[in-house]
Amino acid sequence: MVNVPRLVIAAPSSGSGKTTVATGLMAAFAGRGLAVSGHKVGPDYIDPGYHTLATGRPGRNLDAYMCGPELIAPLFAHGAQSCDLAVVEGVMGLYDGAAGQGELASTAQVAKLLRAPVVLVVDASSQSRSVAALVHGFASWDTQVRIGGVILNKVGSDRHEALLRDALDESGVPVLGVLRRAAQVAVPSRHLGLVPVAERRGDAVGAVAAMGDQVRAGCDLDAILALARSAPELGAEAWSAAEAVGACGGAVPLPAPSRNRGSDPAPAPQRPQGPAVVAVASGAAFTFSYAEHSELLAAAGATVVPFDPLRDEALPEGTRGLVIGGGFPEVYAPELSANEPLRKAVAELAASGAPVAAECAGLLYLGRSLDGLPMCGVLNAEGRMSERLTLGYRDAVALSDSVLAATGTRMRGHEFHRTVLEPGAGDEPAWGMHQPERRVEGFVQQGVHASYLHTHWASAPGTARRFVERCKG
């Protein structure tokens, strides 16, 4: 049984101030000496970076669409082990989830799965007595969702606060905090999300500190902690990377290294035995990764070594596999292109048949060019920025046998980019998408698997084991 005090920070809609309140609460309670665990509902990679700054622990995601509802409580318990408090930041509006899927992947669903009380953050800047009707509606919509209090954000004056409090006295939902407008807690955004911590480290530290100060001054922390401690025991066993990898069974079938159609077959490369060093791209250009991915790779027998493609001119010594996650490479295209020694090292590793897994930003980095600037040239494709934002959950099936998945493997993932790659798929596509429209996407060639699709390997731990076994082989 899991008995970690916990609460969910939700809102009626996006833009209400969830990140400010959730991160501020984490910072404020950590400042009291509590061990705090930060979590984010949904696929967002960026907010957990701010949670990490506030708590000193890895920020983690709880995505019921990609991982399934059955993994939410175990993943939560894994991240919150040995903590005094867990704060879960919601996504969008409280009851908003995957399009056309009812409550699936909504903050409300996660709150119910965690048996956690909800604190509703309300942007009160343009209302007074109507706030009571709004809060009453959210509190009564689903009786299984327990709204334990409200925090009023962007309150304009003492008189405005008095009007709001008087109205909410009639709702039966206690006011746990009142926050005034504060420019110092503002965080710049890009593509419907915040600018990642790694891109603005000093400013981000200051912003998180300001969030903590604002929440400490405007919220009743004792009442909020008491609410979190009222959460009942959670009947869930903590997720374990080692157990997940071990549950995959015996040896995972591996594909023979493939080549582009029309080229001569090549023998499988010979690599030395021993611990498999898997290099993982990090730094400001590649900030999108889930903590569980590295944990699964390590559990499968890899030595995980981070490196920064903006600064490092060589891959880590002994690299036998490469993972390049998402991020905003278009922002750093000149610097990535200028690092020619590393681009050549990546191309040589891929040409050797070594496993390379690339998602979104990694896909663009492996292409010939990005916005006209040379990249690694592993894929015969050109990337560029576009006006269109591609965003949403995806159901996918593996169309080609690869280092990540056998042909026919079904996965759920998420796309989030404002770039275009032409062509969008190779002779051996990575995925066939089933929604919102049918299409093929991505590249499988030799040991490379490159795609726009972000996936969460906790939902398919055999992915990590398959990748590491190929590194060893």
Protein backbone atom coordinates (compact mmCIF):
# COMPACT_ATOMS: atom_id res chain seq x y z
CA MET A 1 0.00 0.00 0.00
CA VAL A 2 1.19 3.51 -0.91
CA ASN A 3 0.52 6.14 1.73
CA VAL A 4 2.22 9.22 0.27
CA PRO A 5 0.35 12.48 0.97
CA ARG A 6 -0.68 13.80 -2.44
CA LEU A 7 -2.81 16.27 -4.29
CA VAL A 8 -3.62 17.20 -7.87
CA ILE A 9 -3.43 20.78 -9.13
CA ALA A 10 -6.12 21.29 -11.79
CA ALA A 11 -7.93 24.18 -13.49
CA PRO A 12 -11.04 24.90 -15.54
CA SER A 13 -8.87 25.52 -18.63
CA SER A 14 -5.36 25.95 -19.91
CA GLY A 15 -3.71 29.25 -19.01
CA SER A 16 -5.22 29.44 -15.52
CA GLY A 17 -1.90 29.16 -13.71
CA LYS A 18 -1.51 25.43 -12.94
CA THR A 19 2.24 25.41 -13.58
CA THR A 20 2.84 28.47 -11.38
CA VAL A 21 0.84 27.02 -8.50
CA ALA A 22 2.10 23.44 -8.80
CA THR A 23 5.74 24.43 -9.15
CA GLY A 24 5.38 27.07 -6.45
CA LEU A 25 3.90 24.53 -4.05
CA MET A 26 6.74 22.10 -4.77
CA ALA A 27 9.32 24.82 -4.13
CA ALA A 28 7.57 26.10 -1.00
CA PHE A 29 7.25 22.67 0.61
CA ALA A 30 10.78 21.67 -0.42
CA GLY A 31 11.90 24.88 1.28
CA ARG A 32 10.28 23.59 4.46
CA GLY A 33 12.54 20.55 4.30
CA LEU A 34 9.99 18.11 2.89
CA ALA A 35 10.97 15.54 0.25
CA VAL A 36 8.62 16.46 -2.59
CA SER A 37 7.85 14.45 -5.72
CA GLY A 38 6.63 16.33 -8.82
CA HIS A 39 4.41 14.77 -11.49
CA LYS A 40 2.72 15.98 -14.67
CA VAL A 41 -0.45 14.59 -16.24
CA GLY A 42 -0.05 13.97 -19.97
CA PRO A 43 2.88 13.84 -22.39
CA ASP A 44 4.41 17.27 -21.68
CA TYR A 45 8.20 17.11 -21.27
CA ILE A 46 8.75 20.75 -20.32
CA ASP A 47 6.83 21.31 -17.07
CA PRO A 48 8.62 18.37 -15.36
CA GLY A 49 11.89 20.25 -15.91
CA TYR A 50 10.58 23.07 -13.71
CA HIS A 51 9.34 20.49 -11.20
CA THR A 52 12.86 19.05 -11.06
CA LEU A 53 14.28 22.49 -10.29
CA ALA A 54 11.74 22.96 -7.51
CA THR A 55 12.15 19.56 -5.85
CA GLY A 56 15.63 18.30 -6.70
CA ARG A 57 14.07 15.03 -7.89
CA PRO A 58 13.24 13.88 -11.44
CA GLY A 59 9.93 15.27 -12.66
CA ARG A 60 7.76 12.43 -13.98
CA ASN A 61 4.80 12.08 -16.31
CA LEU A 62 1.52 10.25 -15.75
CA ASP A 63 -0.03 9.60 -19.16
CA ALA A 64 -3.01 7.26 -19.17
CA TYR A 65 -3.23 7.29 -22.96
CA MET A 66 0.33 6.22 -23.74
CA CYS A 67 0.90 4.01 -20.69
CA GLY A 68 -2.64 2.84 -19.95
CA PRO A 69 -4.69 3.62 -16.81
CA GLU A 70 -3.34 0.49 -15.11
CA LEU A 71 0.20 1.93 -14.96
CA ILE A 72 -0.70 5.34 -13.51
CA ALA A 73 -0.67 4.34 -9.84
CA PRO A 74 2.46 2.12 -10.12
CA LEU A 75 4.40 4.85 -11.98
CA PHE A 76 3.26 7.40 -9.42
CA ALA A 77 4.33 5.14 -6.54
CA HIS A 78 7.73 4.63 -8.20
CA GLY A 79 8.36 8.36 -8.50
CA ALA A 80 7.01 9.22 -5.04
CA GLN A 81 8.94 6.59 -3.09
CA SER A 82 10.39 7.90 0.20
CA CYS A 83 8.70 11.29 -0.27
CA ASP A 84 6.76 13.33 2.25
CA LEU A 85 4.48 14.86 -0.37
CA ALA A 86 3.60 14.41 -4.04
CA VAL A 87 2.20 17.23 -6.18
CA VAL A 88 0.61 16.32 -9.51
CA GLU A 89 0.14 19.09 -12.07
CA GLY A 90 -2.83 18.53 -14.35
CA VAL A 91 -3.21 19.10 -18.07
CA MET A 92 -5.63 21.46 -19.89
CA GLY A 93 -8.99 21.70 -18.12
CA LEU A 94 -9.81 19.26 -15.32
CA TYR A 95 -12.12 17.09 -17.44
CA ASP A 96 -10.31 17.45 -20.79
CA GLY A 97 -8.70 14.28 -22.11
CA ALA A 98 -7.81 12.53 -25.34
CA ALA A 99 -10.10 13.74 -28.12
CA GLY A 100 -13.16 11.52 -28.53
CA GLN A 101 -12.03 9.19 -25.72
CA GLY A 102 -14.20 10.40 -22.85
CA GLU A 103 -12.21 10.94 -19.65
CA LEU A 104 -9.17 8.99 -20.88
CA ALA A 105 -5.90 10.82 -20.10
CA SER A 106 -7.71 13.66 -18.32
CA THR A 107 -6.61 15.17 -15.04
CA ALA A 108 -9.89 13.97 -13.52
CA GLN A 109 -9.15 10.37 -14.50
CA VAL A 110 -5.66 10.52 -13.02
CA ALA A 111 -7.00 12.07 -9.80
CA LYS A 112 -9.45 9.19 -9.47
CA LEU A 113 -6.81 6.57 -10.23
CA LEU A 114 -4.59 8.10 -7.53
CA ARG A 115 -7.47 8.67 -5.09
CA ALA A 116 -6.06 12.17 -4.70
CA PRO A 117 -7.85 15.38 -3.67
CA VAL A 118 -7.90 18.17 -6.24
CA VAL A 119 -7.04 21.83 -5.77
CA LEU A 120 -8.71 23.93 -8.48
CA VAL A 121 -6.73 26.93 -9.73
CA VAL A 122 -9.09 29.60 -11.07
CA ASP A 123 -8.09 32.61 -13.15
CA ALA A 124 -10.27 35.15 -11.37
CA SER A 125 -9.04 38.19 -13.28
CA SER A 126 -12.36 38.84 -15.06
CA GLN A 127 -15.00 37.63 -12.63
CA SER A 128 -16.37 38.12 -9.14
CA ARG A 129 -19.55 36.33 -7.93
CA SER A 130 -19.64 34.07 -10.99
CA VAL A 131 -16.59 32.27 -9.60
CA ALA A 132 -18.90 30.42 -7.21
CA ALA A 133 -21.00 29.02 -10.04
CA LEU A 134 -17.87 27.95 -11.90
CA VAL A 135 -16.38 26.16 -8.89
CA HIS A 136 -19.72 24.57 -7.98
CA GLY A 137 -20.08 23.22 -11.51
CA PHE A 138 -16.63 21.65 -11.53
CA ALA A 139 -17.06 20.21 -8.03
CA SER A 140 -20.42 18.60 -8.81
CA TRP A 141 -19.76 17.33 -12.36
CA ASP A 142 -18.19 14.05 -11.25
CA THR A 143 -18.80 13.03 -7.65
CA GLN A 144 -15.77 10.69 -7.75
CA VAL A 145 -13.51 13.72 -8.19
CA ARG A 146 -12.94 15.34 -4.81
CA ILE A 147 -12.24 19.06 -5.11
CA GLY A 148 -10.79 19.91 -1.73
CA GLY A 149 -10.15 23.61 -2.27
CA VAL A 150 -9.58 26.45 -4.68
CA ILE A 151 -6.67 28.82 -5.27
CA LEU A 152 -7.65 32.12 -6.86
CA ASN A 153 -5.08 33.41 -9.35
CA LYS A 154 -4.54 36.84 -10.90
CA VAL A 155 -6.62 38.64 -8.29
CA GLY A 156 -6.52 42.39 -8.85
CA SER A 157 -7.03 44.04 -5.44
CA ASP A 158 -8.14 43.59 -1.84
CA ARG A 159 -11.72 44.49 -2.82
CA HIS A 160 -11.63 41.98 -5.67
CA GLU A 161 -10.41 39.31 -3.25
CA ALA A 162 -13.20 40.12 -0.77
CA LEU A 163 -15.87 39.77 -3.48
CA LEU A 164 -14.46 36.41 -4.57
CA ARG A 165 -14.24 35.07 -1.03
CA ASP A 166 -17.80 36.16 -0.23
CA ALA A 167 -19.08 34.35 -3.33
CA LEU A 168 -17.16 31.17 -2.59
CA ASP A 169 -18.45 31.05 1.00
CA GLU A 170 -21.72 29.84 -0.54
CA SER A 171 -20.06 27.10 -2.60
CA GLY A 172 -18.75 25.02 0.28
CA VAL A 173 -15.30 24.78 -1.34
CA PRO A 174 -12.64 26.43 0.84
CA VAL A 175 -10.27 29.06 -0.51
CA LEU A 176 -6.74 27.76 0.07
CA GLY A 177 -4.90 30.66 -1.48
CA VAL A 178 -5.08 33.96 -3.32
CA LEU A 179 -2.36 35.01 -5.78
CA ARG A 180 -1.98 38.48 -7.23
CA ARG A 181 -0.63 39.22 -10.69
CA ALA A 182 3.18 38.89 -10.60
CA ALA A 183 5.41 39.48 -13.61
CA GLN A 184 8.47 37.89 -11.98
CA VAL A 185 6.93 34.40 -12.11
CA ALA A 186 6.16 34.61 -15.82
CA VAL A 187 7.88 31.99 -17.97
CA PRO A 188 8.30 32.53 -21.73
CA SER A 189 6.46 30.06 -23.96
CA ARG A 190 6.94 28.49 -27.37
CA HIS A 191 4.65 26.23 -29.46
CA LEU A 192 1.93 26.02 -26.76
CA GLY A 193 4.46 25.20 -24.04
CA LEU A 194 7.05 26.83 -21.81
CA VAL A 195 10.64 27.34 -22.88
CA PRO A 196 12.58 24.38 -21.40
CA VAL A 197 14.68 24.84 -18.27
CA ALA A 198 17.89 23.85 -20.08
CA GLU A 199 17.53 26.83 -22.43
CA ARG A 200 17.26 29.42 -19.65
CA ARG A 201 18.87 27.83 -16.60
CA GLY A 202 19.64 30.98 -14.61
CA ASP A 203 16.34 32.67 -15.38
CA ALA A 204 14.46 29.43 -14.72
CA VAL A 205 16.00 29.10 -11.27
CA GLY A 206 14.90 32.65 -10.49
CA ALA A 207 11.39 32.04 -11.83
CA VAL A 208 10.96 28.87 -9.74
CA ALA A 209 12.17 30.71 -6.64
CA ALA A 210 9.67 33.51 -7.35
CA MET A 211 6.86 30.96 -7.78
CA GLY A 212 7.75 29.47 -4.41
CA ASP A 213 7.79 32.89 -2.77
CA GLN A 214 4.44 33.86 -4.29
CA VAL A 215 2.75 30.64 -3.24
CA ARG A 216 4.29 30.79 0.24
CA ALA A 217 2.96 34.31 0.71
CA GLY A 218 -0.48 33.76 -0.79
CA CYS A 219 -1.47 30.21 0.17
CA ASP A 220 -2.33 28.42 3.39
CA LEU A 221 0.40 25.79 3.20
CA ASP A 222 -0.69 24.07 6.40
CA ALA A 223 -4.23 23.60 5.09
CA ILE A 224 -2.93 22.38 1.73
CA LEU A 225 -0.62 19.86 3.41
CA ALA A 226 -3.49 18.67 5.60
CA LEU A 227 -5.59 18.15 2.45
CA ALA A 228 -2.79 16.14 0.86
CA ARG A 229 -2.49 14.00 4.00
CA SER A 230 -6.20 13.23 3.84
CA ALA A 231 -5.69 11.11 0.70
CA PRO A 232 -6.44 7.45 1.51
CA GLU A 233 -3.97 4.62 1.05
CA LEU A 234 -3.39 3.68 -2.57
CA GLY A 235 -3.40 -0.03 -3.36
CA ALA A 236 -0.56 -0.09 -5.87
CA GLU A 237 2.85 -1.69 -6.10
CA ALA A 238 5.59 0.69 -7.23
CA TRP A 239 6.69 0.21 -10.83
CA SER A 240 10.20 -1.20 -11.19
CA ALA A 241 12.33 -0.91 -14.32
CA ALA A 242 14.17 -4.11 -13.41
CA GLU A 243 10.96 -6.06 -12.92
CA ALA A 244 9.44 -4.61 -16.08
CA VAL A 245 12.44 -5.63 -18.18
CA GLY A 246 12.58 -9.03 -16.50
CA ALA A 247 8.92 -9.62 -17.26
CA CYS A 248 9.71 -9.46 -20.98
CA GLY A 249 10.70 -13.13 -20.82
CA GLY A 250 13.61 -14.68 -22.68
CA ALA A 251 15.72 -13.27 -25.47
CA VAL A 252 13.92 -10.66 -27.53
CA PRO A 253 14.03 -11.53 -31.27
CA LEU A 254 16.28 -9.07 -33.06
CA PRO A 255 16.09 -8.00 -36.70
CA ALA A 256 18.99 -8.40 -39.05
CA PRO A 257 20.40 -4.96 -39.89
CA SER A 258 18.48 -3.63 -42.90
CA ARG A 259 19.52 -1.35 -45.69
CA ASN A 260 17.61 0.86 -48.05
CA ARG A 261 15.92 -1.14 -50.76
CA GLY A 262 17.97 -1.45 -53.88
CA SER A 263 21.31 -1.54 -52.05
CA ASP A 264 23.54 -4.56 -51.51
CA PRO A 265 23.09 -6.51 -48.27
CA ALA A 266 25.73 -5.99 -45.62
CA PRO A 267 26.87 -8.42 -42.94
CA ALA A 268 25.87 -7.76 -39.36
CA PRO A 269 28.56 -5.67 -37.65
CA GLN A 270 30.76 -7.36 -35.08
CA ARG A 271 30.94 -5.55 -31.74
CA PRO A 272 32.88 -6.48 -28.62
CA GLN A 273 31.15 -8.09 -25.67
CA GLY A 274 30.72 -6.37 -22.32
CA PRO A 275 28.55 -3.58 -20.89
CA ALA A 276 26.74 -1.71 -23.64
CA VAL A 277 27.35 2.04 -23.54
CA VAL A 278 24.23 3.85 -24.73
CA ALA A 279 24.80 7.54 -25.41
CA VAL A 280 21.76 9.72 -24.72
CA ALA A 281 21.58 13.21 -26.25
CA SER A 282 20.96 15.97 -23.71
CA GLY A 283 21.63 19.67 -23.32
CA ALA A 284 19.56 22.63 -24.48
CA ALA A 285 18.72 21.23 -27.94
CA PHE A 286 17.47 17.83 -26.75
CA THR A 287 15.45 18.24 -23.56
CA PHE A 288 12.53 15.89 -24.23
CA SER A 289 12.95 12.57 -22.46
CA TYR A 290 11.12 10.51 -19.86
CA ALA A 291 13.13 9.47 -16.80
CA GLU A 292 11.87 5.91 -17.15
CA HIS A 293 13.63 5.48 -20.52
CA SER A 294 17.12 5.72 -19.03
CA GLU A 295 16.03 3.58 -16.09
CA LEU A 296 14.80 0.86 -18.45
CA LEU A 297 17.98 1.00 -20.53
CA ALA A 298 20.06 0.61 -17.38
CA ALA A 299 17.86 -2.24 -16.14
CA ALA A 300 18.35 -3.98 -19.49
CA GLY A 301 22.11 -3.91 -18.99
CA ALA A 302 23.23 -0.66 -20.59
CA THR A 303 25.59 1.95 -19.22
CA VAL A 304 23.70 5.17 -19.95
CA VAL A 305 25.97 8.14 -20.68
CA PRO A 306 24.51 11.59 -21.48
CA PHE A 307 26.25 13.95 -23.91
CA ASP A 308 25.52 17.40 -25.34
CA PRO A 309 25.52 17.69 -29.15
CA LEU A 310 25.98 21.45 -28.81
CA ARG A 311 29.28 21.08 -26.94
CA ASP A 312 30.73 17.58 -27.27
CA GLU A 313 32.72 16.86 -30.43
CA ALA A 314 32.73 13.09 -29.92
CA LEU A 315 30.33 10.44 -28.72
CA PRO A 316 31.06 8.98 -25.27
CA GLU A 317 33.87 6.44 -25.29
CA GLY A 318 32.69 2.93 -26.14
CA THR A 319 29.30 4.02 -27.50
CA ARG A 320 27.42 1.08 -29.00
CA GLY A 321 23.97 2.63 -29.15
CA LEU A 322 22.54 6.13 -29.46
CA VAL A 323 19.27 7.64 -28.26
CA ILE A 324 18.33 11.14 -29.48
CA GLY A 325 15.07 12.40 -28.05
CA GLY A 326 12.99 15.47 -28.75
CA GLY A 327 13.51 19.15 -28.21
CA PHE A 328 13.82 22.30 -30.28
CA PRO A 329 16.74 21.68 -32.67
CA GLU A 330 15.53 24.44 -34.99
CA VAL A 331 16.50 26.95 -32.30
CA TYR A 332 20.05 25.58 -32.25
CA ALA A 333 20.43 24.53 -35.88
CA PRO A 334 23.50 26.76 -36.47
CA GLU A 335 25.32 25.37 -33.43
CA LEU A 336 24.37 21.76 -34.22
CA SER A 337 25.51 22.20 -37.80
CA ALA A 338 28.78 23.85 -36.74
CA ASN A 339 29.70 20.81 -34.63
CA GLU A 340 30.93 18.89 -37.66
CA PRO A 341 33.09 16.36 -35.75
CA LEU A 342 30.08 15.09 -33.81
CA ARG A 343 27.86 15.01 -36.92
CA LYS A 344 30.47 12.80 -38.61
CA ALA A 345 30.72 10.56 -35.51
CA VAL A 346 26.94 10.06 -35.49
CA ALA A 347 26.92 9.26 -39.20
CA GLU A 348 29.74 6.74 -38.77
CA LEU A 349 28.00 5.06 -35.85
CA ALA A 350 24.78 4.73 -37.86
CA ALA A 351 26.67 3.41 -40.89
CA SER A 352 28.22 0.68 -38.71
CA GLY A 353 24.75 -0.72 -38.04
CA ALA A 354 24.75 0.25 -34.37
CA PRO A 355 21.30 0.87 -32.85
CA VAL A 356 20.13 4.47 -33.12
CA ALA A 357 16.72 5.56 -31.79
CA ALA A 358 15.64 9.09 -32.70
CA GLU A 359 12.40 10.90 -31.87
CA CYS A 360 11.25 14.20 -33.38
CA ALA A 361 14.25 16.50 -32.81
CA GLY A 362 16.49 13.46 -33.16
CA LEU A 363 14.81 12.64 -36.47
CA LEU A 364 15.60 16.13 -37.77
CA TYR A 365 19.19 15.93 -36.53
CA LEU A 366 19.72 12.71 -38.51
CA GLY A 367 18.49 14.29 -41.74
CA ARG A 368 20.61 15.92 -44.44
CA SER A 369 19.71 19.45 -43.44
CA LEU A 370 17.51 21.57 -41.17
CA ASP A 371 16.43 24.96 -42.50
CA GLY A 372 19.20 24.68 -45.08
CA LEU A 373 21.99 23.91 -42.59
CA PRO A 374 23.84 20.57 -42.81
CA MET A 375 22.95 17.92 -40.22
CA CYS A 376 24.21 14.34 -39.82
CA GLY A 377 23.13 13.07 -43.24
CA VAL A 378 22.08 9.65 -41.94
CA LEU A 379 18.63 10.02 -43.53
CA ASN A 380 18.03 11.18 -47.07
CA ALA A 381 15.56 13.86 -45.98
CA GLU A 382 15.40 17.64 -45.49
CA GLY A 383 13.83 19.35 -42.48
CA ARG A 384 12.39 22.83 -42.16
CA MET A 385 10.21 24.94 -39.92
CA SER A 386 6.57 25.37 -40.94
CA GLU A 387 3.57 27.44 -39.91
CA ARG A 388 1.55 24.38 -38.94
CA LEU A 389 1.65 22.91 -35.44
CA THR A 390 1.22 19.12 -35.45
CA LEU A 391 -0.08 18.06 -32.05
CA GLY A 392 -1.95 15.09 -30.64
CA TYR A 393 -2.06 11.49 -29.53
CA ARG A 394 -1.49 8.77 -32.11
CA ASP A 395 -2.25 5.07 -32.47
CA ALA A 396 0.55 3.43 -34.43
CA VAL A 397 1.70 0.04 -35.67
CA ALA A 398 5.30 -0.86 -36.54
CA LEU A 399 5.56 -1.42 -40.29
CA SER A 400 9.20 -2.54 -40.32
CA ASP A 401 11.24 -4.80 -38.06
CA SER A 402 13.62 -2.55 -36.13
CA VAL A 403 15.82 -2.23 -33.08
CA LEU A 404 12.79 -0.93 -31.16
CA ALA A 405 9.89 -3.09 -32.29
CA ALA A 406 8.94 -6.13 -34.32
CA THR A 407 6.70 -5.65 -37.35
CA GLY A 408 3.08 -5.47 -36.23
CA THR A 409 3.84 -4.09 -32.75
CA ARG A 410 1.15 -1.63 -31.71
CA MET A 411 2.12 1.47 -29.75
CA ARG A 412 0.45 4.63 -28.57
CA GLY A 413 2.39 7.86 -28.79
CA HIS A 414 2.24 11.62 -29.18
CA GLU A 415 3.30 14.10 -31.85
CA PHE A 416 4.32 17.67 -31.07
CA HIS A 417 6.23 19.67 -33.67
CA ARG A 418 6.15 22.69 -35.94
CA THR A 419 8.56 21.26 -38.48
CA VAL A 420 8.24 19.25 -41.69
CA LEU A 421 10.56 16.53 -42.97
CA GLU A 422 10.55 15.76 -46.69
CA PRO A 423 10.10 12.94 -47.42
CA GLY A 424 8.26 12.03 -44.26
CA ALA A 425 8.94 8.32 -44.57
CA GLY A 426 11.66 6.09 -45.97
CA ASP A 427 11.52 2.95 -48.08
CA GLU A 428 10.98 1.07 -44.83
CA PRO A 429 8.64 3.29 -42.74
CA ALA A 430 8.76 3.18 -38.97
CA TRP A 431 5.05 3.50 -38.23
CA GLY A 432 1.63 3.32 -39.76
CA MET A 433 -0.64 5.87 -38.10
CA HIS A 434 -4.37 5.26 -37.58
CA GLN A 435 -5.52 8.67 -36.37
CA PRO A 436 -6.29 11.44 -37.03
CA GLU A 437 -5.63 10.17 -40.56
CA ARG A 438 -4.05 7.06 -42.04
CA ARG A 439 -0.46 7.59 -43.13
CA VAL A 440 3.02 6.11 -42.95
CA GLU A 441 5.80 7.91 -41.12
CA GLY A 442 9.44 7.61 -40.12
CA PHE A 443 12.50 5.64 -41.19
CA VAL A 444 14.01 2.22 -40.49
CA GLN A 445 17.40 1.56 -42.08
CA GLN A 446 20.19 -0.64 -40.77
CA GLY A 447 20.10 -0.04 -37.00
CA VAL A 448 18.32 3.31 -37.22
CA HIS A 449 14.75 3.89 -36.05
CA ALA A 450 13.78 7.54 -36.55
CA SER A 451 10.31 9.05 -36.26
CA TYR A 452 8.32 12.07 -35.15
CA LEU A 453 6.38 9.84 -32.74
CA HIS A 454 7.16 10.22 -29.03
CA THR A 455 6.53 7.01 -27.08
CA HIS A 456 6.72 6.06 -23.42
CA TRP A 457 8.76 2.88 -23.02
CA ALA A 458 7.21 2.01 -19.65
CA SER A 459 4.19 0.86 -21.67
CA ALA A 460 6.42 -1.54 -23.64
CA PRO A 461 9.59 -2.33 -21.64
CA GLY A 462 10.58 -4.87 -24.28
CA THR A 463 11.56 -1.86 -26.37
CA ALA A 464 14.51 -1.06 -24.08
CA ARG A 465 15.53 -4.68 -23.77
CA ARG A 466 15.42 -5.19 -27.54
CA PHE A 467 17.53 -2.06 -28.09
CA VAL A 468 20.18 -3.02 -25.51
CA GLU A 469 20.43 -6.61 -26.75
CA ARG A 470 21.11 -5.27 -30.22
CA CYS A 471 23.82 -3.03 -28.74
CA LYS A 472 25.44 -6.10 -27.20
CA GLY A 473 25.08 -8.20 -30.34
